[in-house]
Amino acid sequence: MKTNEREIRALVTLLADDEVRVQNLAREKLLENSELVRPILEEFAFTDSEGRVRIAAQGLLEEIRLNNLAAGFKKINRNSYFDLERACFILAQIEYPDLEVSKYIERIDHIADQMHSRIAGVDEEKQKVKALNQLLFQELGFRGDVKSYFDPQNSYINRVLDRCLGIPISLSALYLFVAQRLDLPVYGVGFPGHFLLTYGDDSNFFIDAFNNGRILSRKDCEFFLNRMGYPFYDSYLAISTPKEILARMIRNLVLIYHQNHQRKKIDTLEKIFSDFFTTTEQGG
């Protein structure tokens, strides 16, 4: 073990070598045993080691962290059931590495627990939706962020829960997660420019989570697009798969980070979630 530790320490110092080829070789060797080298990298990264070594160690630690997130994401992507909620929390950990996921899952559980008694014995679909709307938007105060729509915080589920603010797709995601716990047949709808929800497979009505859960008809949705100068197609109201929802979330974040000129965050998103950049409509 002593020999291995000496070798690791030597490789860490080589991360700052003048030769790029040597740097790359050291990096590759360290990544082969990322969990073993992490404590030593942390020692170099957060002590008074030589400046270039400290910066290089910090960079490699971040790469290991992102690789681990990618591995976790690939694991859920291999399952026949794609867990959108878990994927959203992995997405949030890119921006918030110390995120206590269990704490936020408990908060969603608590919201659903508050709803159980309210909808017990209620058969009418819209009454169930209205009861959930009352809790989420009136009592708990969740709402669309009309003042700072393009704030990246609005796209991360943990910050939506913290601030009670979001954009259409992130508020819809929270709505979905609560509905799933209540066995309510609520699904996402990738409507152009404004993500919606629908209740049931026959899509009798739609839910606008950004506007306090306002219930919409098909005609309302058509009018919304016509008012914006766009033609309406029935396919715009098709139910989105969990993977399509995640892809749209990522695309939104990439657009936001482009506006803020944050190239590094764009590269991170594209590196980890490139499999999900499929053809989807843009916009919240």
C-alpha atoms as a PDB file:
ATOM      1  CA  MET A   1       0.000   0.000   0.000  1.00  0.00           C
ATOM      2  CA  LYS A   2       2.873   2.364   0.795  1.00  0.00           C
ATOM      3  CA  THR A   3       4.348   1.812  -2.648  1.00  0.00           C
ATOM      4  CA  ASN A   4       0.978   2.428  -4.302  1.00  0.00           C
ATOM      5  CA  GLU A   5       0.525   5.618  -2.338  1.00  0.00           C
ATOM      6  CA  ARG A   6       3.979   6.861  -3.352  1.00  0.00           C
ATOM      7  CA  GLU A   7       3.199   6.095  -6.966  1.00  0.00           C
ATOM      8  CA  ILE A   8      -0.102   7.950  -6.742  1.00  0.00           C
ATOM      9  CA  ARG A   9       1.556  10.987  -5.181  1.00  0.00           C
ATOM     10  CA  ALA A  10       4.176  10.997  -7.919  1.00  0.00           C
ATOM     11  CA  LEU A  11       1.485  10.783 -10.603  1.00  0.00           C
ATOM     12  CA  VAL A  12      -0.432  13.679  -9.048  1.00  0.00           C
ATOM     13  CA  THR A  13       2.638  15.899  -9.221  1.00  0.00           C
ATOM     14  CA  LEU A  14       3.063  14.903 -12.879  1.00  0.00           C
ATOM     15  CA  LEU A  15      -0.380  16.389 -13.620  1.00  0.00           C
ATOM     16  CA  ALA A  16       1.429  19.740 -13.620  1.00  0.00           C
ATOM     17  CA  ASP A  17       4.408  18.601 -15.709  1.00  0.00           C
ATOM     18  CA  ASP A  18       5.594  20.885 -18.492  1.00  0.00           C
ATOM     19  CA  GLU A  19       5.016  18.135 -21.046  1.00  0.00           C
ATOM     20  CA  VAL A  20       1.360  17.677 -22.034  1.00  0.00           C
ATOM     21  CA  ARG A  21       2.068  14.061 -22.965  1.00  0.00           C
ATOM     22  CA  VAL A  22       3.288  13.384 -19.412  1.00  0.00           C
ATOM     23  CA  GLN A  23       0.259  15.163 -17.959  1.00  0.00           C
ATOM     24  CA  ASN A  24      -2.117  13.050 -20.032  1.00  0.00           C
ATOM     25  CA  LEU A  25      -0.395   9.798 -19.113  1.00  0.00           C
ATOM     26  CA  ALA A  26      -0.537  10.656 -15.406  1.00  0.00           C
ATOM     27  CA  ARG A  27      -4.200  11.581 -15.712  1.00  0.00           C
ATOM     28  CA  GLU A  28      -5.069   8.300 -17.453  1.00  0.00           C
ATOM     29  CA  LYS A  29      -3.255   6.250 -14.809  1.00  0.00           C
ATOM     30  CA  LEU A  30      -4.990   8.091 -11.981  1.00  0.00           C
ATOM     31  CA  LEU A  31      -8.417   7.687 -13.562  1.00  0.00           C
ATOM     32  CA  GLU A  32      -7.900   3.925 -13.693  1.00  0.00           C
ATOM     33  CA  ASN A  33      -8.167   3.866  -9.878  1.00  0.00           C
ATOM     34  CA  SER A  34     -10.275   6.930  -9.239  1.00  0.00           C
ATOM     35  CA  GLU A  35     -11.724   5.852  -5.891  1.00  0.00           C
ATOM     36  CA  LEU A  36      -8.307   4.910  -4.542  1.00  0.00           C
ATOM     37  CA  VAL A  37      -6.685   8.172  -5.616  1.00  0.00           C
ATOM     38  CA  ARG A  38      -9.503  10.502  -4.551  1.00  0.00           C
ATOM     39  CA  PRO A  39      -8.284  11.044  -0.922  1.00  0.00           C
ATOM     40  CA  ILE A  40      -4.772  11.842  -2.118  1.00  0.00           C
ATOM     41  CA  LEU A  41      -6.080  14.169  -4.811  1.00  0.00           C
ATOM     42  CA  GLU A  42      -8.151  15.965  -2.169  1.00  0.00           C
ATOM     43  CA  GLU A  43      -5.036  16.372  -0.044  1.00  0.00           C
ATOM     44  CA  PHE A  44      -3.200  18.025  -2.941  1.00  0.00           C
ATOM     45  CA  ALA A  45      -6.233  20.026  -4.026  1.00  0.00           C
ATOM     46  CA  PHE A  46      -7.002  21.616  -0.684  1.00  0.00           C
ATOM     47  CA  THR A  47      -3.609  22.118   0.924  1.00  0.00           C
ATOM     48  CA  ASP A  48      -0.705  24.453   0.279  1.00  0.00           C
ATOM     49  CA  SER A  49       0.785  22.303  -2.437  1.00  0.00           C
ATOM     50  CA  GLU A  50       2.480  23.932  -5.405  1.00  0.00           C
ATOM     51  CA  GLY A  51      -0.021  26.079  -7.311  1.00  0.00           C
ATOM     52  CA  ARG A  52      -0.093  24.217 -10.605  1.00  0.00           C
ATOM     53  CA  VAL A  53      -0.395  20.848  -8.859  1.00  0.00           C
ATOM     54  CA  ARG A  54      -3.226  22.117  -6.687  1.00  0.00           C
ATOM     55  CA  ILE A  55      -5.156  23.403  -9.713  1.00  0.00           C
ATOM     56  CA  ALA A  56      -4.546  20.188 -11.661  1.00  0.00           C
ATOM     57  CA  ALA A  57      -5.671  18.055  -8.706  1.00  0.00           C
ATOM     58  CA  GLN A  58      -8.845  20.098  -8.363  1.00  0.00           C
ATOM     59  CA  GLY A  59      -9.540  19.672 -12.063  1.00  0.00           C
ATOM     60  CA  LEU A  60      -9.088  15.911 -11.919  1.00  0.00           C
ATOM     61  CA  LEU A  61     -11.307  15.650  -8.833  1.00  0.00           C
ATOM     62  CA  GLU A  62     -14.044  17.440 -10.739  1.00  0.00           C
ATOM     63  CA  GLU A  63     -13.578  15.095 -13.701  1.00  0.00           C
ATOM     64  CA  ILE A  64     -13.876  12.070 -11.411  1.00  0.00           C
ATOM     65  CA  ARG A  65     -17.025  13.516  -9.858  1.00  0.00           C
ATOM     66  CA  LEU A  66     -18.620  14.064 -13.264  1.00  0.00           C
ATOM     67  CA  ASN A  67     -17.561  10.599 -14.430  1.00  0.00           C
ATOM     68  CA  ASN A  68     -19.252   9.102 -11.376  1.00  0.00           C
ATOM     69  CA  LEU A  69     -22.438  11.040 -12.136  1.00  0.00           C
ATOM     70  CA  ALA A  70     -22.292   9.814 -15.714  1.00  0.00           C
ATOM     71  CA  ALA A  71     -21.873   6.226 -14.503  1.00  0.00           C
ATOM     72  CA  GLY A  72     -24.882   6.580 -12.238  1.00  0.00           C
ATOM     73  CA  PHE A  73     -26.881   8.053 -15.065  1.00  0.00           C
ATOM     74  CA  LYS A  74     -25.931   5.254 -17.469  1.00  0.00           C
ATOM     75  CA  LYS A  75     -27.025   2.743 -14.849  1.00  0.00           C
ATOM     76  CA  ILE A  76     -30.583   4.061 -14.701  1.00  0.00           C
ATOM     77  CA  ASN A  77     -30.612   4.480 -18.473  1.00  0.00           C
ATOM     78  CA  ARG A  78     -30.009   0.738 -18.894  1.00  0.00           C
ATOM     79  CA  ASN A  79     -33.159  -0.109 -16.944  1.00  0.00           C
ATOM     80  CA  SER A  80     -36.408  -0.792 -18.776  1.00  0.00           C
ATOM     81  CA  TYR A  81     -38.031   1.811 -16.506  1.00  0.00           C
ATOM     82  CA  PHE A  82     -36.318   5.173 -16.830  1.00  0.00           C
ATOM     83  CA  ASP A  83     -36.473   6.967 -13.477  1.00  0.00           C
ATOM     84  CA  LEU A  84     -36.959  10.627 -14.383  1.00  0.00           C
ATOM     85  CA  GLU A  85     -36.924  11.751 -10.768  1.00  0.00           C
ATOM     86  CA  ARG A  86     -33.565  10.148 -10.084  1.00  0.00           C
ATOM     87  CA  ALA A  87     -32.226  11.566 -13.358  1.00  0.00           C
ATOM     88  CA  CYS A  88     -33.331  15.071 -12.344  1.00  0.00           C
ATOM     89  CA  PHE A  89     -31.390  14.805  -9.105  1.00  0.00           C
ATOM     90  CA  ILE A  90     -28.290  13.589 -10.963  1.00  0.00           C
ATOM     91  CA  LEU A  91     -28.697  16.593 -13.253  1.00  0.00           C
ATOM     92  CA  ALA A  92     -28.868  18.861 -10.193  1.00  0.00           C
ATOM     93  CA  GLN A  93     -25.669  17.378  -8.784  1.00  0.00           C
ATOM     94  CA  ILE A  94     -23.728  18.805 -11.710  1.00  0.00           C
ATOM     95  CA  GLU A  95     -24.413  22.270 -10.322  1.00  0.00           C
ATOM     96  CA  TYR A  96     -24.783  21.284  -6.653  1.00  0.00           C
ATOM     97  CA  PRO A  97     -22.214  18.557  -5.884  1.00  0.00           C
ATOM     98  CA  ASP A  98     -23.025  18.411  -2.159  1.00  0.00           C
ATOM     99  CA  LEU A  99     -26.740  17.971  -2.739  1.00  0.00           C
ATOM    100  CA  GLU A 100     -28.462  15.817  -0.094  1.00  0.00           C
ATOM    101  CA  VAL A 101     -30.844  14.039  -2.444  1.00  0.00           C
ATOM    102  CA  SER A 102     -32.628  12.093   0.302  1.00  0.00           C
ATOM    103  CA  LYS A 103     -33.687  15.342   1.982  1.00  0.00           C
ATOM    104  CA  TYR A 104     -35.466  16.515  -1.169  1.00  0.00           C
ATOM    105  CA  ILE A 105     -37.063  13.149  -1.837  1.00  0.00           C
ATOM    106  CA  GLU A 106     -38.487  13.294   1.688  1.00  0.00           C
ATOM    107  CA  ARG A 107     -39.957  16.719   0.906  1.00  0.00           C
ATOM    108  CA  ILE A 108     -41.712  15.368  -2.178  1.00  0.00           C
ATOM    109  CA  ASP A 109     -42.923  12.410  -0.110  1.00  0.00           C
ATOM    110  CA  HIS A 110     -44.307  14.834   2.463  1.00  0.00           C
ATOM    111  CA  ILE A 111     -46.228  16.803  -0.180  1.00  0.00           C
ATOM    112  CA  ALA A 112     -47.775  13.565  -1.455  1.00  0.00           C
ATOM    113  CA  ASP A 113     -48.622  12.476   2.111  1.00  0.00           C
ATOM    114  CA  GLN A 114     -50.559  15.718   2.589  1.00  0.00           C
ATOM    115  CA  MET A 115     -52.589  14.923  -0.523  1.00  0.00           C
ATOM    116  CA  HIS A 116     -53.627  11.356   0.285  1.00  0.00           C
ATOM    117  CA  SER A 117     -56.474  12.246   2.604  1.00  0.00           C
ATOM    118  CA  ARG A 118     -57.650  15.088   0.357  1.00  0.00           C
ATOM    119  CA  ILE A 119     -58.276  12.908  -2.662  1.00  0.00           C
ATOM    120  CA  ALA A 120     -59.410   9.773  -0.821  1.00  0.00           C
ATOM    121  CA  GLY A 121     -62.848   8.913  -2.157  1.00  0.00           C
ATOM    122  CA  VAL A 122     -62.721  11.579  -4.881  1.00  0.00           C
ATOM    123  CA  ASP A 123     -63.581  10.052  -8.253  1.00  0.00           C
ATOM    124  CA  GLU A 124     -63.870  13.083 -10.525  1.00  0.00           C
ATOM    125  CA  GLU A 125     -60.580  13.716 -12.327  1.00  0.00           C
ATOM    126  CA  LYS A 126     -60.657  17.500 -12.349  1.00  0.00           C
ATOM    127  CA  GLN A 127     -61.505  17.599  -8.643  1.00  0.00           C
ATOM    128  CA  LYS A 128     -58.332  15.632  -7.895  1.00  0.00           C
ATOM    129  CA  VAL A 129     -56.308  18.036 -10.026  1.00  0.00           C
ATOM    130  CA  LYS A 130     -57.900  21.053  -8.350  1.00  0.00           C
ATOM    131  CA  ALA A 131     -57.087  19.619  -4.916  1.00  0.00           C
ATOM    132  CA  LEU A 132     -53.445  19.111  -5.909  1.00  0.00           C
ATOM    133  CA  ASN A 133     -53.338  22.599  -7.418  1.00  0.00           C
ATOM    134  CA  GLN A 134     -54.701  24.049  -4.184  1.00  0.00           C
ATOM    135  CA  LEU A 135     -51.927  22.442  -2.140  1.00  0.00           C
ATOM    136  CA  LEU A 136     -49.017  23.102  -4.496  1.00  0.00           C
ATOM    137  CA  PHE A 137     -49.794  26.572  -5.751  1.00  0.00           C
ATOM    138  CA  GLN A 138     -52.025  28.162  -3.135  1.00  0.00           C
ATOM    139  CA  GLU A 139     -50.865  26.674   0.157  1.00  0.00           C
ATOM    140  CA  LEU A 140     -47.226  25.825  -0.576  1.00  0.00           C
ATOM    141  CA  GLY A 141     -46.743  28.775  -2.911  1.00  0.00           C
ATOM    142  CA  PHE A 142     -45.086  27.165  -5.943  1.00  0.00           C
ATOM    143  CA  ARG A 143     -45.259  29.470  -8.940  1.00  0.00           C
ATOM    144  CA  GLY A 144     -43.691  30.318 -12.259  1.00  0.00           C
ATOM    145  CA  ASP A 145     -40.739  32.675 -12.116  1.00  0.00           C
ATOM    146  CA  VAL A 146     -41.879  35.417 -14.478  1.00  0.00           C
ATOM    147  CA  LYS A 147     -39.256  37.929 -13.291  1.00  0.00           C
ATOM    148  CA  SER A 148     -36.126  35.789 -13.733  1.00  0.00           C
ATOM    149  CA  TYR A 149     -37.331  33.107 -16.129  1.00  0.00           C
ATOM    150  CA  PHE A 150     -33.836  32.277 -17.395  1.00  0.00           C
ATOM    151  CA  ASP A 151     -32.236  31.909 -13.981  1.00  0.00           C
ATOM    152  CA  PRO A 152     -30.552  28.458 -14.061  1.00  0.00           C
ATOM    153  CA  GLN A 153     -31.907  27.748 -10.578  1.00  0.00           C
ATOM    154  CA  ASN A 154     -35.367  27.436 -12.113  1.00  0.00           C
ATOM    155  CA  SER A 155     -34.247  24.319 -13.984  1.00  0.00           C
ATOM    156  CA  TYR A 156     -32.895  22.338 -11.030  1.00  0.00           C
ATOM    157  CA  ILE A 157     -35.452  20.372  -9.027  1.00  0.00           C
ATOM    158  CA  ASN A 158     -33.750  20.989  -5.673  1.00  0.00           C
ATOM    159  CA  ARG A 159     -33.850  24.746  -6.181  1.00  0.00           C
ATOM    160  CA  VAL A 160     -37.466  24.575  -7.317  1.00  0.00           C
ATOM    161  CA  LEU A 161     -38.244  22.945  -3.971  1.00  0.00           C
ATOM    162  CA  ASP A 162     -36.095  25.449  -2.059  1.00  0.00           C
ATOM    163  CA  ARG A 163     -37.418  28.587  -3.715  1.00  0.00           C
ATOM    164  CA  CYS A 164     -40.909  27.473  -4.821  1.00  0.00           C
ATOM    165  CA  LEU A 165     -40.037  28.947  -8.223  1.00  0.00           C
ATOM    166  CA  GLY A 166     -39.551  27.296 -11.577  1.00  0.00           C
ATOM    167  CA  ILE A 167     -40.199  27.242 -15.303  1.00  0.00           C
ATOM    168  CA  PRO A 168     -42.942  25.174 -16.962  1.00  0.00           C
ATOM    169  CA  ILE A 169     -40.949  21.972 -17.289  1.00  0.00           C
ATOM    170  CA  SER A 170     -39.394  21.966 -13.807  1.00  0.00           C
ATOM    171  CA  LEU A 171     -42.711  22.753 -12.095  1.00  0.00           C
ATOM    172  CA  SER A 172     -44.324  20.072 -14.254  1.00  0.00           C
ATOM    173  CA  ALA A 173     -41.648  17.604 -13.169  1.00  0.00           C
ATOM    174  CA  LEU A 174     -42.409  18.279  -9.510  1.00  0.00           C
ATOM    175  CA  TYR A 175     -46.119  17.879 -10.265  1.00  0.00           C
ATOM    176  CA  LEU A 176     -45.382  14.548 -11.948  1.00  0.00           C
ATOM    177  CA  PHE A 177     -43.336  13.260  -9.019  1.00  0.00           C
ATOM    178  CA  VAL A 178     -46.105  14.059  -6.550  1.00  0.00           C
ATOM    179  CA  ALA A 179     -48.774  12.589  -8.851  1.00  0.00           C
ATOM    180  CA  GLN A 180     -46.791   9.367  -9.243  1.00  0.00           C
ATOM    181  CA  ARG A 181     -46.764   8.892  -5.474  1.00  0.00           C
ATOM    182  CA  LEU A 182     -50.548   9.288  -5.501  1.00  0.00           C
ATOM    183  CA  ASP A 183     -51.033   6.883  -8.437  1.00  0.00           C
ATOM    184  CA  LEU A 184     -52.590   9.671 -10.484  1.00  0.00           C
ATOM    185  CA  PRO A 185     -52.265   9.223 -14.277  1.00  0.00           C
ATOM    186  CA  VAL A 186     -50.524  12.527 -14.978  1.00  0.00           C
ATOM    187  CA  TYR A 187     -48.115  12.741 -17.916  1.00  0.00           C
ATOM    188  CA  GLY A 188     -45.841  15.328 -19.473  1.00  0.00           C
ATOM    189  CA  VAL A 189     -46.689  16.976 -22.792  1.00  0.00           C
ATOM    190  CA  GLY A 190     -43.893  18.508 -24.856  1.00  0.00           C
ATOM    191  CA  PHE A 191     -45.920  21.458 -26.089  1.00  0.00           C
ATOM    192  CA  PRO A 192     -43.829  23.982 -28.092  1.00  0.00           C
ATOM    193  CA  GLY A 193     -42.433  26.756 -25.946  1.00  0.00           C
ATOM    194  CA  HIS A 194     -44.458  25.889 -22.861  1.00  0.00           C
ATOM    195  CA  PHE A 195     -44.327  22.420 -21.296  1.00  0.00           C
ATOM    196  CA  LEU A 196     -47.699  21.101 -20.100  1.00  0.00           C
ATOM    197  CA  LEU A 197     -49.213  18.127 -18.317  1.00  0.00           C
ATOM    198  CA  THR A 198     -52.214  15.985 -19.144  1.00  0.00           C
ATOM    199  CA  TYR A 199     -54.430  13.773 -17.031  1.00  0.00           C
ATOM    200  CA  GLY A 200     -55.139  10.289 -18.333  1.00  0.00           C
ATOM    201  CA  ASP A 201     -54.306   8.570 -21.597  1.00  0.00           C
ATOM    202  CA  ASP A 202     -57.170  10.171 -23.514  1.00  0.00           C
ATOM    203  CA  SER A 203     -55.896  13.726 -22.821  1.00  0.00           C
ATOM    204  CA  ASN A 204     -59.302  15.236 -22.061  1.00  0.00           C
ATOM    205  CA  PHE A 205     -57.677  18.251 -20.459  1.00  0.00           C
ATOM    206  CA  PHE A 206     -54.264  19.739 -19.847  1.00  0.00           C
ATOM    207  CA  ILE A 207     -52.558  21.320 -16.837  1.00  0.00           C
ATOM    208  CA  ASP A 208     -50.349  24.406 -16.913  1.00  0.00           C
ATOM    209  CA  ALA A 209     -48.061  24.055 -13.882  1.00  0.00           C
ATOM    210  CA  PHE A 210     -46.382  27.389 -14.628  1.00  0.00           C
ATOM    211  CA  ASN A 211     -49.692  29.209 -14.193  1.00  0.00           C
ATOM    212  CA  ASN A 212     -50.902  27.717 -10.917  1.00  0.00           C
ATOM    213  CA  GLY A 213     -52.101  24.468 -12.488  1.00  0.00           C
ATOM    214  CA  ARG A 214     -54.607  26.179 -14.776  1.00  0.00           C
ATOM    215  CA  ILE A 215     -56.755  23.593 -16.548  1.00  0.00           C
ATOM    216  CA  LEU A 216     -56.716  23.923 -20.351  1.00  0.00           C
ATOM    217  CA  SER A 217     -58.758  22.421 -23.156  1.00  0.00           C
ATOM    218  CA  ARG A 218     -57.379  21.414 -26.529  1.00  0.00           C
ATOM    219  CA  LYS A 219     -58.865  24.644 -27.909  1.00  0.00           C
ATOM    220  CA  ASP A 220     -56.999  26.666 -25.276  1.00  0.00           C
ATOM    221  CA  CYS A 221     -53.719  25.077 -26.399  1.00  0.00           C
ATOM    222  CA  GLU A 222     -54.506  25.766 -30.044  1.00  0.00           C
ATOM    223  CA  PHE A 223     -55.346  29.385 -29.253  1.00  0.00           C
ATOM    224  CA  PHE A 224     -52.055  29.791 -27.361  1.00  0.00           C
ATOM    225  CA  LEU A 225     -50.016  28.827 -30.435  1.00  0.00           C
ATOM    226  CA  ASN A 226     -52.175  30.770 -32.873  1.00  0.00           C
ATOM    227  CA  ARG A 227     -51.760  33.898 -30.751  1.00  0.00           C
ATOM    228  CA  MET A 228     -47.981  33.424 -31.005  1.00  0.00           C
ATOM    229  CA  GLY A 229     -48.289  33.173 -34.783  1.00  0.00           C
ATOM    230  CA  TYR A 230     -47.580  29.419 -35.003  1.00  0.00           C
ATOM    231  CA  PRO A 231     -49.700  26.705 -36.619  1.00  0.00           C
ATOM    232  CA  PHE A 232     -51.179  24.020 -34.387  1.00  0.00           C
ATOM    233  CA  TYR A 233     -50.746  20.273 -34.898  1.00  0.00           C
ATOM    234  CA  ASP A 234     -52.298  17.489 -32.826  1.00  0.00           C
ATOM    235  CA  SER A 235     -48.860  15.930 -32.403  1.00  0.00           C
ATOM    236  CA  TYR A 236     -47.890  18.887 -30.199  1.00  0.00           C
ATOM    237  CA  LEU A 237     -50.146  17.431 -27.504  1.00  0.00           C
ATOM    238  CA  ALA A 238     -48.578  13.968 -27.552  1.00  0.00           C
ATOM    239  CA  ILE A 239     -47.404  12.532 -24.249  1.00  0.00           C
ATOM    240  CA  SER A 240     -43.630  12.853 -23.724  1.00  0.00           C
ATOM    241  CA  THR A 241     -41.542   9.942 -22.499  1.00  0.00           C
ATOM    242  CA  PRO A 242     -39.390  10.473 -19.388  1.00  0.00           C
ATOM    243  CA  LYS A 243     -36.269  10.518 -21.580  1.00  0.00           C
ATOM    244  CA  GLU A 244     -37.788  13.172 -23.825  1.00  0.00           C
ATOM    245  CA  ILE A 245     -38.580  15.282 -20.766  1.00  0.00           C
ATOM    246  CA  LEU A 246     -34.998  15.027 -19.554  1.00  0.00           C
ATOM    247  CA  ALA A 247     -33.660  15.897 -23.012  1.00  0.00           C
ATOM    248  CA  ARG A 248     -35.773  19.028 -23.038  1.00  0.00           C
ATOM    249  CA  MET A 249     -34.559  19.995 -19.562  1.00  0.00           C
ATOM    250  CA  ILE A 250     -30.980  19.670 -20.734  1.00  0.00           C
ATOM    251  CA  ARG A 251     -31.642  21.668 -23.877  1.00  0.00           C
ATOM    252  CA  ASN A 252     -33.185  24.442 -21.782  1.00  0.00           C
ATOM    253  CA  LEU A 253     -30.105  24.564 -19.567  1.00  0.00           C
ATOM    254  CA  VAL A 254     -27.767  24.641 -22.556  1.00  0.00           C
ATOM    255  CA  LEU A 255     -29.714  27.591 -23.988  1.00  0.00           C
ATOM    256  CA  ILE A 256     -29.575  29.391 -20.633  1.00  0.00           C
ATOM    257  CA  TYR A 257     -25.845  28.814 -20.249  1.00  0.00           C
ATOM    258  CA  HIS A 258     -25.288  29.992 -23.819  1.00  0.00           C
ATOM    259  CA  GLN A 259     -26.969  33.266 -22.935  1.00  0.00           C
ATOM    260  CA  ASN A 260     -24.743  33.560 -19.878  1.00  0.00           C
ATOM    261  CA  HIS A 261     -21.605  32.595 -21.883  1.00  0.00           C
ATOM    262  CA  GLN A 262     -20.846  29.677 -19.551  1.00  0.00           C
ATOM    263  CA  ARG A 263     -19.085  27.370 -21.990  1.00  0.00           C
ATOM    264  CA  LYS A 264     -17.693  25.028 -19.335  1.00  0.00           C
ATOM    265  CA  LYS A 265     -21.155  24.152 -18.046  1.00  0.00           C
ATOM    266  CA  ILE A 266     -22.400  23.593 -21.581  1.00  0.00           C
ATOM    267  CA  ASP A 267     -19.498  21.206 -22.220  1.00  0.00           C
ATOM    268  CA  THR A 268     -20.291  19.339 -18.998  1.00  0.00           C
ATOM    269  CA  LEU A 269     -23.945  18.888 -19.934  1.00  0.00           C
ATOM    270  CA  GLU A 270     -23.079  17.737 -23.428  1.00  0.00           C
ATOM    271  CA  LYS A 271     -20.424  15.351 -22.181  1.00  0.00           C
ATOM    272  CA  ILE A 272     -22.582  13.587 -19.619  1.00  0.00           C
ATOM    273  CA  PHE A 273     -25.957  13.673 -21.325  1.00  0.00           C
ATOM    274  CA  SER A 274     -25.090  13.621 -25.006  1.00  0.00           C
ATOM    275  CA  ASP A 275     -27.249  10.526 -25.515  1.00  0.00           C
ATOM    276  CA  PHE A 276     -30.301  12.602 -24.686  1.00  0.00           C
ATOM    277  CA  PHE A 277     -29.832  15.429 -27.148  1.00  0.00           C
ATOM    278  CA  THR A 278     -32.494  14.120 -29.483  1.00  0.00           C
ATOM    279  CA  THR A 279     -34.831  16.147 -31.640  1.00  0.00           C
ATOM    280  CA  THR A 280     -37.134  17.894 -29.161  1.00  0.00           C
ATOM    281  CA  GLU A 281     -38.958  21.184 -29.120  1.00  0.00           C
ATOM    282  CA  GLN A 282     -37.098  23.994 -27.457  1.00  0.00           C
ATOM    283  CA  GLY A 283     -38.427  26.162 -24.665  1.00  0.00           C
ATOM    284  CA  GLY A 284     -39.644  25.747 -21.067  1.00  0.00           C
END
